[in-house]
ModelCIF file with pLDDT and N, C-alpha, C, O atoms, coordinates in Angstrom:
data_MODEL
#
_entry.id   MODEL 
#
_entity.id                         1 
_entity.type                       polymer 
_entity.pdbx_number_of_molecules   1 
#
_entity_poly.entity_id                      1 
_entity_poly.type                           'polypeptide(L)' 
_entity_poly.nstd_linkage                   no 
_entity_poly.nstd_monomer                   no 
_entity_poly.pdbx_seq_one_letter_code       LSIDHPEDMRASFETLGLGPDDVDLIVVSDAQEILGIGDWGVNGSDIA 
_entity_poly.pdbx_seq_one_letter_code_can   LSIDHPEDMRASFETLGLGPDDVDLIVVSDAQEILGIGDWGVNGSDIA 
_entity_poly.pdbx_strand_id                 A 
#
loop_
_entity_poly_seq.entity_id 
_entity_poly_seq.num 
_entity_poly_seq.mon_id 
_entity_poly_seq.hetero 
1 1  LEU n 
1 2  SER n 
1 3  ILE n 
1 4  ASP n 
1 5  HIS n 
1 6  PRO n 
1 7  GLU n 
1 8  ASP n 
1 9  MET n 
1 10 ARG n 
1 11 ALA n 
1 12 SER n 
1 13 PHE n 
1 14 GLU n 
1 15 THR n 
1 16 LEU n 
1 17 GLY n 
1 18 LEU n 
1 19 GLY n 
1 20 PRO n 
1 21 ASP n 
1 22 ASP n 
1 23 VAL n 
1 24 ASP n 
1 25 LEU n 
1 26 ILE n 
1 27 VAL n 
1 28 VAL n 
1 29 SER n 
1 30 ASP n 
1 31 ALA n 
1 32 GLN n 
1 33 GLU n 
1 34 ILE n 
1 35 LEU n 
1 36 GLY n 
1 37 ILE n 
1 38 GLY n 
1 39 ASP n 
1 40 TRP n 
1 41 GLY n 
1 42 VAL n 
1 43 ASN n 
1 44 GLY n 
1 45 SER n 
1 46 ASP n 
1 47 ILE n 
1 48 ALA n 
#
_struct_asym.id          A 
_struct_asym.entity_id   1 
#
loop_
_ma_qa_metric.id 
_ma_qa_metric.mode 
_ma_qa_metric.name 
_ma_qa_metric.software_group_id 
_ma_qa_metric.type 
1 global pLDDT . pLDDT 
2 local  pLDDT . pLDDT 
#
_ma_qa_metric_global.metric_id      1 
_ma_qa_metric_global.metric_value   94.92 
_ma_qa_metric_global.model_id       1 
_ma_qa_metric_global.ordinal_id     1 
#
loop_
_ma_qa_metric_local.label_asym_id 
_ma_qa_metric_local.label_comp_id 
_ma_qa_metric_local.label_seq_id 
_ma_qa_metric_local.metric_id 
_ma_qa_metric_local.metric_value 
_ma_qa_metric_local.model_id 
_ma_qa_metric_local.ordinal_id 
A LEU 1  2 98.00 1 1  
A SER 2  2 98.00 1 2  
A ILE 3  2 98.00 1 3  
A ASP 4  2 97.00 1 4  
A HIS 5  2 98.00 1 5  
A PRO 6  2 97.00 1 6  
A GLU 7  2 98.00 1 7  
A ASP 8  2 98.00 1 8  
A MET 9  2 98.00 1 9  
A ARG 10 2 98.00 1 10 
A ALA 11 2 98.00 1 11 
A SER 12 2 98.00 1 12 
A PHE 13 2 98.00 1 13 
A GLU 14 2 97.00 1 14 
A THR 15 2 96.00 1 15 
A LEU 16 2 96.00 1 16 
A GLY 17 2 96.00 1 17 
A LEU 18 2 97.00 1 18 
A GLY 19 2 97.00 1 19 
A PRO 20 2 97.00 1 20 
A ASP 21 2 97.00 1 21 
A ASP 22 2 98.00 1 22 
A VAL 23 2 98.00 1 23 
A ASP 24 2 98.00 1 24 
A LEU 25 2 98.00 1 25 
A ILE 26 2 98.00 1 26 
A VAL 27 2 98.00 1 27 
A VAL 28 2 98.00 1 28 
A SER 29 2 97.00 1 29 
A ASP 30 2 97.00 1 30 
A ALA 31 2 94.00 1 31 
A GLN 32 2 95.00 1 32 
A GLU 33 2 91.00 1 33 
A ILE 34 2 87.00 1 34 
A LEU 35 2 77.00 1 35 
A GLY 36 2 71.00 1 36 
A ILE 37 2 83.00 1 37 
A GLY 38 2 88.00 1 38 
A ASP 39 2 94.00 1 39 
A TRP 40 2 94.00 1 40 
A GLY 41 2 95.00 1 41 
A VAL 42 2 96.00 1 42 
A ASN 43 2 95.00 1 43 
A GLY 44 2 94.00 1 44 
A SER 45 2 94.00 1 45 
A ASP 46 2 93.00 1 46 
A ILE 47 2 94.00 1 47 
A ALA 48 2 96.00 1 48 
#
loop_
_atom_site.group_PDB 
_atom_site.id 
_atom_site.type_symbol 
_atom_site.label_atom_id 
_atom_site.label_alt_id 
_atom_site.label_comp_id 
_atom_site.label_asym_id 
_atom_site.label_entity_id 
_atom_site.label_seq_id 
_atom_site.pdbx_PDB_ins_code 
_atom_site.Cartn_x 
_atom_site.Cartn_y 
_atom_site.Cartn_z 
_atom_site.occupancy 
_atom_site.B_iso_or_equiv 
_atom_site.pdbx_formal_charge 
_atom_site.auth_seq_id 
_atom_site.auth_comp_id 
_atom_site.auth_asym_id 
_atom_site.auth_atom_id 
_atom_site.pdbx_PDB_model_num 
ATOM 1   N N  . LEU A 1 1  ? 261.593 42.008 -69.211 1.00 98.00 ? 1  LEU A N  1 
ATOM 2   C CA . LEU A 1 1  ? 261.425 43.466 -69.765 1.00 98.00 ? 1  LEU A CA 1 
ATOM 3   C C  . LEU A 1 1  ? 262.908 44.416 -69.264 1.00 98.00 ? 1  LEU A C  1 
ATOM 4   O O  . LEU A 1 1  ? 263.179 44.599 -68.078 1.00 98.00 ? 1  LEU A O  1 
ATOM 5   N N  . SER A 1 2  ? 263.527 44.802 -70.102 1.00 98.00 ? 2  SER A N  1 
ATOM 6   C CA . SER A 1 2  ? 264.402 45.412 -69.916 1.00 98.00 ? 2  SER A CA 1 
ATOM 7   C C  . SER A 1 2  ? 264.523 47.158 -69.678 1.00 98.00 ? 2  SER A C  1 
ATOM 8   O O  . SER A 1 2  ? 263.959 48.005 -70.370 1.00 98.00 ? 2  SER A O  1 
ATOM 9   N N  . ILE A 1 3  ? 265.256 47.361 -68.718 1.00 98.00 ? 3  ILE A N  1 
ATOM 10  C CA . ILE A 1 3  ? 265.026 48.533 -68.430 1.00 98.00 ? 3  ILE A CA 1 
ATOM 11  C C  . ILE A 1 3  ? 265.714 49.742 -69.258 1.00 98.00 ? 3  ILE A C  1 
ATOM 12  O O  . ILE A 1 3  ? 265.616 50.937 -68.978 1.00 98.00 ? 3  ILE A O  1 
ATOM 13  N N  . ASP A 1 4  ? 266.518 49.107 -70.465 1.00 97.00 ? 4  ASP A N  1 
ATOM 14  C CA . ASP A 1 4  ? 266.898 49.743 -71.575 1.00 97.00 ? 4  ASP A CA 1 
ATOM 15  C C  . ASP A 1 4  ? 265.939 50.059 -72.432 1.00 97.00 ? 4  ASP A C  1 
ATOM 16  O O  . ASP A 1 4  ? 266.265 50.737 -73.406 1.00 97.00 ? 4  ASP A O  1 
ATOM 17  N N  . HIS A 1 5  ? 264.575 49.657 -72.277 1.00 98.00 ? 5  HIS A N  1 
ATOM 18  C CA . HIS A 1 5  ? 263.803 49.505 -73.416 1.00 98.00 ? 5  HIS A CA 1 
ATOM 19  C C  . HIS A 1 5  ? 262.521 49.788 -72.783 1.00 98.00 ? 5  HIS A C  1 
ATOM 20  O O  . HIS A 1 5  ? 261.617 49.125 -73.293 1.00 98.00 ? 5  HIS A O  1 
ATOM 21  N N  . PRO A 1 6  ? 262.155 50.539 -71.859 1.00 97.00 ? 6  PRO A N  1 
ATOM 22  C CA . PRO A 1 6  ? 260.804 50.468 -71.081 1.00 97.00 ? 6  PRO A CA 1 
ATOM 23  C C  . PRO A 1 6  ? 259.774 50.451 -72.182 1.00 97.00 ? 6  PRO A C  1 
ATOM 24  O O  . PRO A 1 6  ? 258.694 49.980 -71.826 1.00 97.00 ? 6  PRO A O  1 
ATOM 25  N N  . GLU A 1 7  ? 259.850 50.846 -73.419 1.00 98.00 ? 7  GLU A N  1 
ATOM 26  C CA . GLU A 1 7  ? 258.499 51.699 -74.218 1.00 98.00 ? 7  GLU A CA 1 
ATOM 27  C C  . GLU A 1 7  ? 258.681 49.968 -74.815 1.00 98.00 ? 7  GLU A C  1 
ATOM 28  O O  . GLU A 1 7  ? 258.243 50.060 -75.961 1.00 98.00 ? 7  GLU A O  1 
ATOM 29  N N  . ASP A 1 8  ? 258.942 49.046 -74.683 1.00 98.00 ? 8  ASP A N  1 
ATOM 30  C CA . ASP A 1 8  ? 258.662 47.907 -75.102 1.00 98.00 ? 8  ASP A CA 1 
ATOM 31  C C  . ASP A 1 8  ? 258.043 46.711 -74.171 1.00 98.00 ? 8  ASP A C  1 
ATOM 32  O O  . ASP A 1 8  ? 258.038 45.505 -74.417 1.00 98.00 ? 8  ASP A O  1 
ATOM 33  N N  . MET A 1 9  ? 257.504 47.424 -72.987 1.00 98.00 ? 9  MET A N  1 
ATOM 34  C CA . MET A 1 9  ? 257.129 46.760 -71.869 1.00 98.00 ? 9  MET A CA 1 
ATOM 35  C C  . MET A 1 9  ? 255.544 46.218 -72.229 1.00 98.00 ? 9  MET A C  1 
ATOM 36  O O  . MET A 1 9  ? 255.257 45.056 -71.942 1.00 98.00 ? 9  MET A O  1 
ATOM 37  N N  . ARG A 1 10 ? 254.707 46.955 -72.757 1.00 98.00 ? 10 ARG A N  1 
ATOM 38  C CA . ARG A 1 10 ? 253.225 46.603 -73.139 1.00 98.00 ? 10 ARG A CA 1 
ATOM 39  C C  . ARG A 1 10 ? 253.655 45.491 -74.057 1.00 98.00 ? 10 ARG A C  1 
ATOM 40  O O  . ARG A 1 10 ? 253.560 44.313 -73.713 1.00 98.00 ? 10 ARG A O  1 
ATOM 41  N N  . ALA A 1 11 ? 254.108 45.851 -75.176 1.00 98.00 ? 11 ALA A N  1 
ATOM 42  C CA . ALA A 1 11 ? 254.089 45.118 -76.079 1.00 98.00 ? 11 ALA A CA 1 
ATOM 43  C C  . ALA A 1 11 ? 254.894 43.596 -75.908 1.00 98.00 ? 11 ALA A C  1 
ATOM 44  O O  . ALA A 1 11 ? 254.914 42.696 -76.748 1.00 98.00 ? 11 ALA A O  1 
ATOM 45  N N  . SER A 1 12 ? 255.356 43.601 -74.949 1.00 98.00 ? 12 SER A N  1 
ATOM 46  C CA . SER A 1 12 ? 256.167 42.481 -74.421 1.00 98.00 ? 12 SER A CA 1 
ATOM 47  C C  . SER A 1 12 ? 255.222 41.576 -73.897 1.00 98.00 ? 12 SER A C  1 
ATOM 48  O O  . SER A 1 12 ? 255.316 40.393 -74.225 1.00 98.00 ? 12 SER A O  1 
ATOM 49  N N  . PHE A 1 13 ? 254.223 41.984 -73.045 1.00 98.00 ? 13 PHE A N  1 
ATOM 50  C CA . PHE A 1 13 ? 253.218 41.297 -72.531 1.00 98.00 ? 13 PHE A CA 1 
ATOM 51  C C  . PHE A 1 13 ? 251.902 41.052 -73.803 1.00 98.00 ? 13 PHE A C  1 
ATOM 52  O O  . PHE A 1 13 ? 251.109 40.111 -73.767 1.00 98.00 ? 13 PHE A O  1 
ATOM 53  N N  . GLU A 1 14 ? 251.915 41.811 -74.555 1.00 97.00 ? 14 GLU A N  1 
ATOM 54  C CA . GLU A 1 14 ? 250.908 41.220 -75.669 1.00 97.00 ? 14 GLU A CA 1 
ATOM 55  C C  . GLU A 1 14 ? 251.278 40.184 -76.510 1.00 97.00 ? 14 GLU A C  1 
ATOM 56  O O  . GLU A 1 14 ? 250.447 39.603 -77.208 1.00 97.00 ? 14 GLU A O  1 
ATOM 57  N N  . THR A 1 15 ? 252.813 39.818 -76.500 1.00 96.00 ? 15 THR A N  1 
ATOM 58  C CA . THR A 1 15 ? 252.542 38.834 -77.451 1.00 96.00 ? 15 THR A CA 1 
ATOM 59  C C  . THR A 1 15 ? 252.201 37.528 -77.085 1.00 96.00 ? 15 THR A C  1 
ATOM 60  O O  . THR A 1 15 ? 252.110 36.532 -77.803 1.00 96.00 ? 15 THR A O  1 
ATOM 61  N N  . LEU A 1 16 ? 251.995 37.672 -75.682 1.00 96.00 ? 16 LEU A N  1 
ATOM 62  C CA . LEU A 1 16 ? 251.417 36.762 -75.074 1.00 96.00 ? 16 LEU A CA 1 
ATOM 63  C C  . LEU A 1 16 ? 249.964 36.125 -75.571 1.00 96.00 ? 16 LEU A C  1 
ATOM 64  O O  . LEU A 1 16 ? 249.474 34.998 -75.499 1.00 96.00 ? 16 LEU A O  1 
ATOM 65  N N  . GLY A 1 17 ? 249.610 37.124 -75.995 1.00 96.00 ? 17 GLY A N  1 
ATOM 66  C CA . GLY A 1 17 ? 248.019 36.604 -76.624 1.00 96.00 ? 17 GLY A CA 1 
ATOM 67  C C  . GLY A 1 17 ? 246.561 36.699 -75.479 1.00 96.00 ? 17 GLY A C  1 
ATOM 68  O O  . GLY A 1 17 ? 245.347 36.527 -75.592 1.00 96.00 ? 17 GLY A O  1 
ATOM 69  N N  . LEU A 1 18 ? 247.553 37.087 -74.331 1.00 97.00 ? 18 LEU A N  1 
ATOM 70  C CA . LEU A 1 18 ? 246.091 36.707 -73.144 1.00 97.00 ? 18 LEU A CA 1 
ATOM 71  C C  . LEU A 1 18 ? 245.384 38.257 -72.579 1.00 97.00 ? 18 LEU A C  1 
ATOM 72  O O  . LEU A 1 18 ? 245.929 39.333 -72.335 1.00 97.00 ? 18 LEU A O  1 
ATOM 73  N N  . GLY A 1 19 ? 244.057 37.859 -72.509 1.00 97.00 ? 19 GLY A N  1 
ATOM 74  C CA . GLY A 1 19 ? 243.268 39.245 -72.117 1.00 97.00 ? 19 GLY A CA 1 
ATOM 75  C C  . GLY A 1 19 ? 243.237 39.401 -70.811 1.00 97.00 ? 19 GLY A C  1 
ATOM 76  O O  . GLY A 1 19 ? 243.965 38.800 -70.021 1.00 97.00 ? 19 GLY A O  1 
ATOM 77  N N  . PRO A 1 20 ? 242.345 40.261 -70.514 1.00 97.00 ? 20 PRO A N  1 
ATOM 78  C CA . PRO A 1 20 ? 242.475 40.719 -69.378 1.00 97.00 ? 20 PRO A CA 1 
ATOM 79  C C  . PRO A 1 20 ? 241.894 39.681 -67.933 1.00 97.00 ? 20 PRO A C  1 
ATOM 80  O O  . PRO A 1 20 ? 242.083 39.913 -66.738 1.00 97.00 ? 20 PRO A O  1 
ATOM 81  N N  . ASP A 1 21 ? 241.306 38.754 -68.434 1.00 97.00 ? 21 ASP A N  1 
ATOM 82  C CA . ASP A 1 21 ? 240.475 37.869 -67.510 1.00 97.00 ? 21 ASP A CA 1 
ATOM 83  C C  . ASP A 1 21 ? 241.176 36.530 -67.999 1.00 97.00 ? 21 ASP A C  1 
ATOM 84  O O  . ASP A 1 21 ? 240.478 35.516 -67.986 1.00 97.00 ? 21 ASP A O  1 
ATOM 85  N N  . ASP A 1 22 ? 242.456 36.437 -68.416 1.00 98.00 ? 22 ASP A N  1 
ATOM 86  C CA . ASP A 1 22 ? 243.032 34.956 -68.662 1.00 98.00 ? 22 ASP A CA 1 
ATOM 87  C C  . ASP A 1 22 ? 244.137 34.775 -67.875 1.00 98.00 ? 22 ASP A C  1 
ATOM 88  O O  . ASP A 1 22 ? 244.782 33.730 -67.968 1.00 98.00 ? 22 ASP A O  1 
ATOM 89  N N  . VAL A 1 23 ? 244.573 35.994 -66.808 1.00 98.00 ? 23 VAL A N  1 
ATOM 90  C CA . VAL A 1 23 ? 245.967 35.670 -65.910 1.00 98.00 ? 23 VAL A CA 1 
ATOM 91  C C  . VAL A 1 23 ? 245.176 35.647 -64.436 1.00 98.00 ? 23 VAL A C  1 
ATOM 92  O O  . VAL A 1 23 ? 244.267 36.424 -64.145 1.00 98.00 ? 23 VAL A O  1 
ATOM 93  N N  . ASP A 1 24 ? 245.634 34.740 -63.683 1.00 98.00 ? 24 ASP A N  1 
ATOM 94  C CA . ASP A 1 24 ? 245.670 34.979 -62.411 1.00 98.00 ? 24 ASP A CA 1 
ATOM 95  C C  . ASP A 1 24 ? 246.779 35.323 -61.469 1.00 98.00 ? 24 ASP A C  1 
ATOM 96  O O  . ASP A 1 24 ? 246.545 35.899 -60.406 1.00 98.00 ? 24 ASP A O  1 
ATOM 97  N N  . LEU A 1 25 ? 247.985 34.978 -61.844 1.00 98.00 ? 25 LEU A N  1 
ATOM 98  C CA . LEU A 1 25 ? 249.163 35.111 -61.067 1.00 98.00 ? 25 LEU A CA 1 
ATOM 99  C C  . LEU A 1 25 ? 250.153 35.390 -62.083 1.00 98.00 ? 25 LEU A C  1 
ATOM 100 O O  . LEU A 1 25 ? 250.190 34.838 -63.182 1.00 98.00 ? 25 LEU A O  1 
ATOM 101 N N  . ILE A 1 26 ? 251.112 36.451 -61.579 1.00 98.00 ? 26 ILE A N  1 
ATOM 102 C CA . ILE A 1 26 ? 252.387 36.878 -62.047 1.00 98.00 ? 26 ILE A CA 1 
ATOM 103 C C  . ILE A 1 26 ? 253.360 36.501 -61.271 1.00 98.00 ? 26 ILE A C  1 
ATOM 104 O O  . ILE A 1 26 ? 253.085 36.557 -60.072 1.00 98.00 ? 26 ILE A O  1 
ATOM 105 N N  . VAL A 1 27 ? 254.805 35.995 -61.643 1.00 98.00 ? 27 VAL A N  1 
ATOM 106 C CA . VAL A 1 27 ? 255.820 36.014 -60.404 1.00 98.00 ? 27 VAL A CA 1 
ATOM 107 C C  . VAL A 1 27 ? 256.954 37.143 -61.167 1.00 98.00 ? 27 VAL A C  1 
ATOM 108 O O  . VAL A 1 27 ? 257.267 36.990 -62.347 1.00 98.00 ? 27 VAL A O  1 
ATOM 109 N N  . VAL A 1 28 ? 257.322 37.895 -60.609 1.00 98.00 ? 28 VAL A N  1 
ATOM 110 C CA . VAL A 1 28 ? 258.555 38.678 -61.337 1.00 98.00 ? 28 VAL A CA 1 
ATOM 111 C C  . VAL A 1 28 ? 259.618 38.504 -60.181 1.00 98.00 ? 28 VAL A C  1 
ATOM 112 O O  . VAL A 1 28 ? 259.405 38.109 -59.035 1.00 98.00 ? 28 VAL A O  1 
ATOM 113 N N  . SER A 1 29 ? 260.816 38.894 -60.755 1.00 97.00 ? 29 SER A N  1 
ATOM 114 C CA . SER A 1 29 ? 262.028 38.947 -60.025 1.00 97.00 ? 29 SER A CA 1 
ATOM 115 C C  . SER A 1 29 ? 262.964 39.983 -60.796 1.00 97.00 ? 29 SER A C  1 
ATOM 116 O O  . SER A 1 29 ? 262.962 40.007 -62.027 1.00 97.00 ? 29 SER A O  1 
ATOM 117 N N  . ASP A 1 30 ? 263.598 40.660 -60.198 1.00 97.00 ? 30 ASP A N  1 
ATOM 118 C CA . ASP A 1 30 ? 264.532 41.448 -60.884 1.00 97.00 ? 30 ASP A CA 1 
ATOM 119 C C  . ASP A 1 30 ? 266.271 40.854 -60.581 1.00 97.00 ? 30 ASP A C  1 
ATOM 120 O O  . ASP A 1 30 ? 267.323 41.273 -61.064 1.00 97.00 ? 30 ASP A O  1 
ATOM 121 N N  . ALA A 1 31 ? 265.988 39.586 -59.459 1.00 94.00 ? 31 ALA A N  1 
ATOM 122 C CA . ALA A 1 31 ? 266.992 38.364 -59.599 1.00 94.00 ? 31 ALA A CA 1 
ATOM 123 C C  . ALA A 1 31 ? 268.263 39.259 -58.690 1.00 94.00 ? 31 ALA A C  1 
ATOM 124 O O  . ALA A 1 31 ? 269.426 38.868 -58.779 1.00 94.00 ? 31 ALA A O  1 
ATOM 125 N N  . GLN A 1 32 ? 268.002 40.152 -58.058 1.00 95.00 ? 32 GLN A N  1 
ATOM 126 C CA . GLN A 1 32 ? 269.289 40.813 -57.233 1.00 95.00 ? 32 GLN A CA 1 
ATOM 127 C C  . GLN A 1 32 ? 269.523 39.704 -56.149 1.00 95.00 ? 32 GLN A C  1 
ATOM 128 O O  . GLN A 1 32 ? 270.652 39.217 -56.093 1.00 95.00 ? 32 GLN A O  1 
ATOM 129 N N  . GLU A 1 33 ? 268.703 39.330 -55.415 1.00 91.00 ? 33 GLU A N  1 
ATOM 130 C CA . GLU A 1 33 ? 269.148 38.390 -54.185 1.00 91.00 ? 33 GLU A CA 1 
ATOM 131 C C  . GLU A 1 33 ? 268.516 37.026 -54.646 1.00 91.00 ? 33 GLU A C  1 
ATOM 132 O O  . GLU A 1 33 ? 267.319 36.873 -54.399 1.00 91.00 ? 33 GLU A O  1 
ATOM 133 N N  . ILE A 1 34 ? 269.223 35.978 -55.318 1.00 87.00 ? 34 ILE A N  1 
ATOM 134 C CA . ILE A 1 34 ? 268.803 34.761 -55.331 1.00 87.00 ? 34 ILE A CA 1 
ATOM 135 C C  . ILE A 1 34 ? 269.063 33.818 -54.345 1.00 87.00 ? 34 ILE A C  1 
ATOM 136 O O  . ILE A 1 34 ? 270.169 33.280 -54.297 1.00 87.00 ? 34 ILE A O  1 
ATOM 137 N N  . LEU A 1 35 ? 267.982 33.490 -53.370 1.00 77.00 ? 35 LEU A N  1 
ATOM 138 C CA . LEU A 1 35 ? 268.422 32.175 -52.559 1.00 77.00 ? 35 LEU A CA 1 
ATOM 139 C C  . LEU A 1 35 ? 269.820 32.178 -51.818 1.00 77.00 ? 35 LEU A C  1 
ATOM 140 O O  . LEU A 1 35 ? 270.504 31.230 -51.432 1.00 77.00 ? 35 LEU A O  1 
ATOM 141 N N  . GLY A 1 36 ? 270.014 33.459 -51.747 1.00 71.00 ? 36 GLY A N  1 
ATOM 142 C CA . GLY A 1 36 ? 271.352 33.153 -50.805 1.00 71.00 ? 36 GLY A CA 1 
ATOM 143 C C  . GLY A 1 36 ? 272.858 33.617 -51.668 1.00 71.00 ? 36 GLY A C  1 
ATOM 144 O O  . GLY A 1 36 ? 273.841 34.258 -51.296 1.00 71.00 ? 36 GLY A O  1 
ATOM 145 N N  . ILE A 1 37 ? 272.537 33.028 -52.842 1.00 83.00 ? 37 ILE A N  1 
ATOM 146 C CA . ILE A 1 37 ? 273.222 33.319 -53.649 1.00 83.00 ? 37 ILE A CA 1 
ATOM 147 C C  . ILE A 1 37 ? 273.988 34.637 -54.676 1.00 83.00 ? 37 ILE A C  1 
ATOM 148 O O  . ILE A 1 37 ? 274.928 34.610 -55.470 1.00 83.00 ? 37 ILE A O  1 
ATOM 149 N N  . GLY A 1 38 ? 272.987 35.831 -54.164 1.00 88.00 ? 38 GLY A N  1 
ATOM 150 C CA . GLY A 1 38 ? 273.426 36.870 -54.662 1.00 88.00 ? 38 GLY A CA 1 
ATOM 151 C C  . GLY A 1 38 ? 272.694 37.392 -55.992 1.00 88.00 ? 38 GLY A C  1 
ATOM 152 O O  . GLY A 1 38 ? 271.588 37.007 -56.371 1.00 88.00 ? 38 GLY A O  1 
ATOM 153 N N  . ASP A 1 39 ? 273.469 38.292 -56.601 1.00 94.00 ? 39 ASP A N  1 
ATOM 154 C CA . ASP A 1 39 ? 273.129 38.896 -57.984 1.00 94.00 ? 39 ASP A CA 1 
ATOM 155 C C  . ASP A 1 39 ? 273.225 38.121 -59.244 1.00 94.00 ? 39 ASP A C  1 
ATOM 156 O O  . ASP A 1 39 ? 274.362 38.160 -59.713 1.00 94.00 ? 39 ASP A O  1 
ATOM 157 N N  . TRP A 1 40 ? 272.337 37.396 -59.965 1.00 94.00 ? 40 TRP A N  1 
ATOM 158 C CA . TRP A 1 40 ? 272.401 36.760 -61.131 1.00 94.00 ? 40 TRP A CA 1 
ATOM 159 C C  . TRP A 1 40 ? 271.612 37.474 -62.090 1.00 94.00 ? 40 TRP A C  1 
ATOM 160 O O  . TRP A 1 40 ? 271.281 36.773 -63.047 1.00 94.00 ? 40 TRP A O  1 
ATOM 161 N N  . GLY A 1 41 ? 271.174 38.772 -62.122 1.00 95.00 ? 41 GLY A N  1 
ATOM 162 C CA . GLY A 1 41 ? 270.904 39.297 -63.345 1.00 95.00 ? 41 GLY A CA 1 
ATOM 163 C C  . GLY A 1 41 ? 269.645 38.391 -64.175 1.00 95.00 ? 41 GLY A C  1 
ATOM 164 O O  . GLY A 1 41 ? 268.745 37.858 -63.525 1.00 95.00 ? 41 GLY A O  1 
ATOM 165 N N  . VAL A 1 42 ? 269.708 38.308 -65.527 1.00 96.00 ? 42 VAL A N  1 
ATOM 166 C CA . VAL A 1 42 ? 268.783 37.898 -66.437 1.00 96.00 ? 42 VAL A CA 1 
ATOM 167 C C  . VAL A 1 42 ? 268.931 36.267 -66.340 1.00 96.00 ? 42 VAL A C  1 
ATOM 168 O O  . VAL A 1 42 ? 268.256 35.539 -67.068 1.00 96.00 ? 42 VAL A O  1 
ATOM 169 N N  . ASN A 1 43 ? 269.912 35.725 -65.335 1.00 95.00 ? 43 ASN A N  1 
ATOM 170 C CA . ASN A 1 43 ? 270.112 34.265 -65.415 1.00 95.00 ? 43 ASN A CA 1 
ATOM 171 C C  . ASN A 1 43 ? 268.850 33.540 -64.520 1.00 95.00 ? 43 ASN A C  1 
ATOM 172 O O  . ASN A 1 43 ? 268.238 32.485 -64.686 1.00 95.00 ? 43 ASN A O  1 
ATOM 173 N N  . GLY A 1 44 ? 268.748 34.714 -63.400 1.00 94.00 ? 44 GLY A N  1 
ATOM 174 C CA . GLY A 1 44 ? 267.657 34.373 -62.472 1.00 94.00 ? 44 GLY A CA 1 
ATOM 175 C C  . GLY A 1 44 ? 266.606 34.438 -63.007 1.00 94.00 ? 44 GLY A C  1 
ATOM 176 O O  . GLY A 1 44 ? 265.875 34.350 -62.021 1.00 94.00 ? 44 GLY A O  1 
ATOM 177 N N  . SER A 1 45 ? 265.850 34.542 -63.977 1.00 94.00 ? 45 SER A N  1 
ATOM 178 C CA . SER A 1 45 ? 264.549 34.061 -64.555 1.00 94.00 ? 45 SER A CA 1 
ATOM 179 C C  . SER A 1 45 ? 263.920 33.198 -64.310 1.00 94.00 ? 45 SER A C  1 
ATOM 180 O O  . SER A 1 45 ? 262.713 33.310 -64.096 1.00 94.00 ? 45 SER A O  1 
ATOM 181 N N  . ASP A 1 46 ? 264.712 31.823 -64.260 1.00 93.00 ? 46 ASP A N  1 
ATOM 182 C CA . ASP A 1 46 ? 264.111 30.674 -63.842 1.00 93.00 ? 46 ASP A CA 1 
ATOM 183 C C  . ASP A 1 46 ? 263.642 30.431 -62.414 1.00 93.00 ? 46 ASP A C  1 
ATOM 184 O O  . ASP A 1 46 ? 263.169 29.403 -61.931 1.00 93.00 ? 46 ASP A O  1 
ATOM 185 N N  . ILE A 1 47 ? 263.927 31.834 -61.742 1.00 94.00 ? 47 ILE A N  1 
ATOM 186 C CA . ILE A 1 47 ? 263.476 31.756 -59.996 1.00 94.00 ? 47 ILE A CA 1 
ATOM 187 C C  . ILE A 1 47 ? 262.105 32.059 -60.624 1.00 94.00 ? 47 ILE A C  1 
ATOM 188 O O  . ILE A 1 47 ? 261.447 31.103 -60.213 1.00 94.00 ? 47 ILE A O  1 
ATOM 189 N N  . ALA A 1 48 ? 261.269 32.814 -61.376 1.00 96.00 ? 48 ALA A N  1 
ATOM 190 C CA . ALA A 1 48 ? 260.093 32.953 -61.104 1.00 96.00 ? 48 ALA A CA 1 
ATOM 191 C C  . ALA A 1 48 ? 259.295 31.798 -62.034 1.00 96.00 ? 48 ALA A C  1 
ATOM 192 O O  . ALA A 1 48 ? 258.070 31.694 -61.972 1.00 96.00 ? 48 ALA A O  1 
#
């Protein structure tokens, strides 16, 4: 989810094809403070 294109947020989720009863857990990170190694931007996606 890009802050440069917030209008894409809902569509980004909808590409998964998951309904309201299909998800138990979402882990989100903006990767500013990764495990003591600091800011790693989009590289930090694997932390989630």
